[in-house]
Amino acid sequence: MIRRALESEAAILTALSFASKRYWGYPDSYIDRWAPELTIDEDYIRDNHVLVYEDNQKIVGYYAVVNRREDVLVSGVKLAQGFWLEHMFVAPRHIGRGIGRQLFAHLRQRCRLRGIDALGILADPHARGFYARMGCEFVGEYPSTIKDRTTPLMRLFAANEELN
């Protein structure tokens, strides 16, 4: 079941964010650097569109869409105002079970219903293939917050049909 996150679930979503990032074997120094962006608080849930995937009444995945009201600089690169997929995480032991695909289908449907034509995604390099299979277009590589590392910028055009 996919539903809106509750503010009281901030700690659960934070733990899920960290566990999911660690799944890819990143060193602790990277995880420490990303801690501010992986930490979800009550204000974040209240101010953004955060939806969770529950399995047997336990949160095993979530995504968050933010509406940037102005351009913002990230690692020296301007990210344009508009809607962005800021988080999409699945608990490591649930990866490969289709939860990410279900979350993404839900995301696409919500974009269509809300009239969001395009959604920016600064993807983890390990997730680039997933987003490509979901029909997102690769825009280019952008500097990461980690020195000498890049991250792919993807774009979802909500009207596009999902690719396999």
Protein backbone atom coordinates (compact mmCIF):
# COMPACT_ATOMS: atom_id res chain seq x y z
CA MET A 1 0.00 0.00 0.00
CA ILE A 2 1.26 3.47 -0.87
CA ARG A 3 0.13 6.35 1.31
CA ARG A 4 1.18 9.80 2.48
CA ALA A 5 3.95 9.78 5.11
CA LEU A 6 3.15 10.92 8.63
CA GLU A 7 5.38 13.47 10.34
CA SER A 8 5.89 10.97 13.16
CA GLU A 9 7.59 8.61 10.67
CA ALA A 10 10.58 10.89 10.06
CA ALA A 11 13.04 8.68 11.98
CA ILE A 12 11.88 5.58 10.09
CA LEU A 13 12.41 7.32 6.73
CA THR A 14 15.82 8.59 7.82
CA ALA A 15 16.92 5.08 8.82
CA LEU A 16 15.63 3.74 5.50
CA SER A 17 17.55 6.44 3.58
CA PHE A 18 20.83 5.56 5.29
CA ALA A 19 20.32 1.79 4.95
CA SER A 20 19.49 2.09 1.27
CA LYS A 21 22.56 4.25 0.53
CA ARG A 22 24.78 1.83 2.46
CA TYR A 23 23.46 -1.03 0.32
CA TRP A 24 25.69 0.21 -2.51
CA GLY A 25 28.86 -0.14 -0.43
CA TYR A 26 29.68 3.54 -0.15
CA PRO A 27 32.41 4.36 2.39
CA ASP A 28 31.40 5.91 5.70
CA SER A 29 32.99 9.21 4.63
CA TYR A 30 30.42 9.47 1.79
CA ILE A 31 27.54 8.54 4.08
CA ASP A 32 28.71 11.17 6.59
CA ARG A 33 28.88 13.79 3.81
CA TRP A 34 25.36 12.91 2.69
CA ALA A 35 23.90 12.82 6.22
CA PRO A 36 22.12 16.20 5.96
CA GLU A 37 20.36 15.26 2.72
CA LEU A 38 19.53 11.73 3.92
CA THR A 39 18.00 12.98 7.16
CA ILE A 40 14.24 13.42 7.00
CA ASP A 41 12.55 15.51 9.67
CA GLU A 42 8.94 16.37 10.45
CA ASP A 43 9.18 19.70 8.62
CA TYR A 44 10.39 17.94 5.47
CA ILE A 45 7.41 15.59 5.52
CA ARG A 46 4.98 18.42 6.20
CA ASP A 47 6.41 20.71 3.50
CA ASN A 48 6.87 18.19 0.66
CA HIS A 49 5.10 15.30 -1.03
CA VAL A 50 6.43 12.26 0.80
CA LEU A 51 4.78 8.92 0.16
CA VAL A 52 5.58 5.57 1.74
CA TYR A 53 5.22 1.97 0.64
CA GLU A 54 3.98 -0.33 3.38
CA ASP A 55 4.32 -4.10 3.41
CA ASN A 56 2.64 -5.92 6.31
CA GLN A 57 2.21 -2.56 8.07
CA LYS A 58 5.94 -1.80 7.87
CA ILE A 59 7.45 0.99 5.75
CA VAL A 60 9.84 -0.58 3.24
CA GLY A 61 10.15 2.24 0.71
CA TYR A 62 9.35 5.86 0.05
CA TYR A 63 9.71 8.72 -2.36
CA ALA A 64 9.67 12.49 -1.98
CA VAL A 65 8.89 15.20 -4.50
CA VAL A 66 9.87 18.79 -3.83
CA ASN A 67 8.79 21.93 -5.62
CA ARG A 68 11.80 24.23 -5.84
CA ARG A 69 10.38 27.72 -6.04
CA GLU A 70 13.69 29.16 -7.26
CA ASP A 71 16.90 27.98 -8.86
CA VAL A 72 19.42 26.47 -6.43
CA LEU A 73 23.15 25.81 -6.68
CA VAL A 74 24.28 22.25 -5.91
CA SER A 75 28.01 21.53 -6.20
CA GLY A 76 28.38 24.65 -8.31
CA VAL A 77 25.65 23.64 -10.77
CA LYS A 78 22.35 25.47 -11.08
CA LEU A 79 19.30 23.27 -10.63
CA ALA A 80 16.26 24.94 -12.14
CA GLN A 81 13.15 25.73 -10.21
CA GLY A 82 10.33 23.24 -10.59
CA PHE A 83 9.52 19.76 -9.41
CA TRP A 84 12.25 17.30 -8.43
CA LEU A 85 12.28 13.74 -7.20
CA GLU A 86 14.51 14.22 -4.20
CA HIS A 87 14.35 10.74 -2.68
CA MET A 88 13.32 7.26 -3.74
CA PHE A 89 14.55 4.52 -1.45
CA VAL A 90 13.68 0.88 -0.87
CA ALA A 91 14.84 -1.12 2.14
CA PRO A 92 17.81 -3.30 1.09
CA ARG A 93 16.14 -6.62 1.84
CA HIS A 94 13.19 -5.57 -0.35
CA ILE A 95 15.24 -4.48 -3.37
CA GLY A 96 14.43 -6.56 -6.44
CA ARG A 97 10.82 -7.25 -5.45
CA GLY A 98 9.21 -4.65 -7.69
CA ILE A 99 8.62 -2.06 -4.95
CA GLY A 100 10.67 0.58 -6.75
CA ARG A 101 8.68 -0.02 -9.93
CA GLN A 102 5.41 0.34 -7.98
CA LEU A 103 6.61 3.52 -6.29
CA PHE A 104 7.64 4.94 -9.65
CA ALA A 105 4.31 4.07 -11.28
CA HIS A 106 2.58 5.82 -8.38
CA LEU A 107 4.89 8.82 -8.79
CA ARG A 108 4.15 9.02 -12.52
CA GLN A 109 0.39 8.86 -11.89
CA ARG A 110 0.57 11.58 -9.21
CA CYS A 111 2.54 13.79 -11.59
CA ARG A 112 -0.12 13.36 -14.26
CA LEU A 113 -2.95 14.08 -11.80
CA ARG A 114 -1.21 17.19 -10.45
CA GLY A 115 -0.32 18.50 -13.91
CA ILE A 116 3.43 18.09 -13.43
CA ASP A 117 4.78 17.68 -16.94
CA ALA A 118 8.47 17.21 -16.07
CA LEU A 119 10.34 16.07 -12.99
CA GLY A 120 14.09 16.45 -12.45
CA ILE A 121 16.05 13.62 -10.82
CA LEU A 122 19.65 13.80 -9.62
CA ALA A 123 20.04 10.04 -9.45
CA ASP A 124 22.51 7.90 -7.59
CA PRO A 125 24.81 6.40 -10.26
CA HIS A 126 23.66 2.91 -9.22
CA ALA A 127 20.03 3.90 -9.94
CA ARG A 128 20.59 5.34 -13.42
CA GLY A 129 19.56 2.08 -15.12
CA PHE A 130 16.41 1.83 -13.02
CA TYR A 131 15.32 5.35 -13.97
CA ALA A 132 16.12 4.69 -17.63
CA ARG A 133 13.92 1.56 -17.52
CA MET A 134 11.16 3.70 -16.01
CA GLY A 135 11.25 5.96 -19.07
CA CYS A 136 13.40 8.80 -17.74
CA GLU A 137 15.72 10.58 -20.13
CA PHE A 138 19.40 11.08 -19.35
CA VAL A 139 20.32 14.77 -19.44
CA GLY A 140 23.98 14.65 -18.42
CA GLU A 141 26.49 14.12 -15.64
CA TYR A 142 26.70 16.70 -12.88
CA PRO A 143 29.25 17.16 -10.12
CA SER A 144 28.43 15.33 -6.90
CA THR A 145 28.87 16.66 -3.40
CA ILE A 146 31.74 14.13 -3.30
CA LYS A 147 34.98 15.31 -4.93
CA ASP A 148 35.84 13.67 -8.28
CA ARG A 149 32.44 11.97 -8.50
CA THR A 150 29.49 12.75 -10.77
CA THR A 151 25.82 11.97 -10.59
CA PRO A 152 23.45 11.54 -13.52
CA LEU A 153 20.74 14.12 -14.10
CA MET A 154 17.61 12.41 -15.39
CA ARG A 155 14.26 13.87 -16.37
CA LEU A 156 10.87 12.27 -16.26
CA PHE A 157 8.30 13.57 -18.69
CA ALA A 158 5.13 12.41 -16.97
CA ALA A 159 3.16 11.90 -20.16
CA ASN A 160 5.73 9.40 -21.52
CA GLU A 161 4.76 5.80 -21.12
CA GLU A 162 6.93 3.56 -19.00
CA LEU A 163 9.68 1.72 -20.85
CA ASN A 164 10.81 -1.79 -19.93
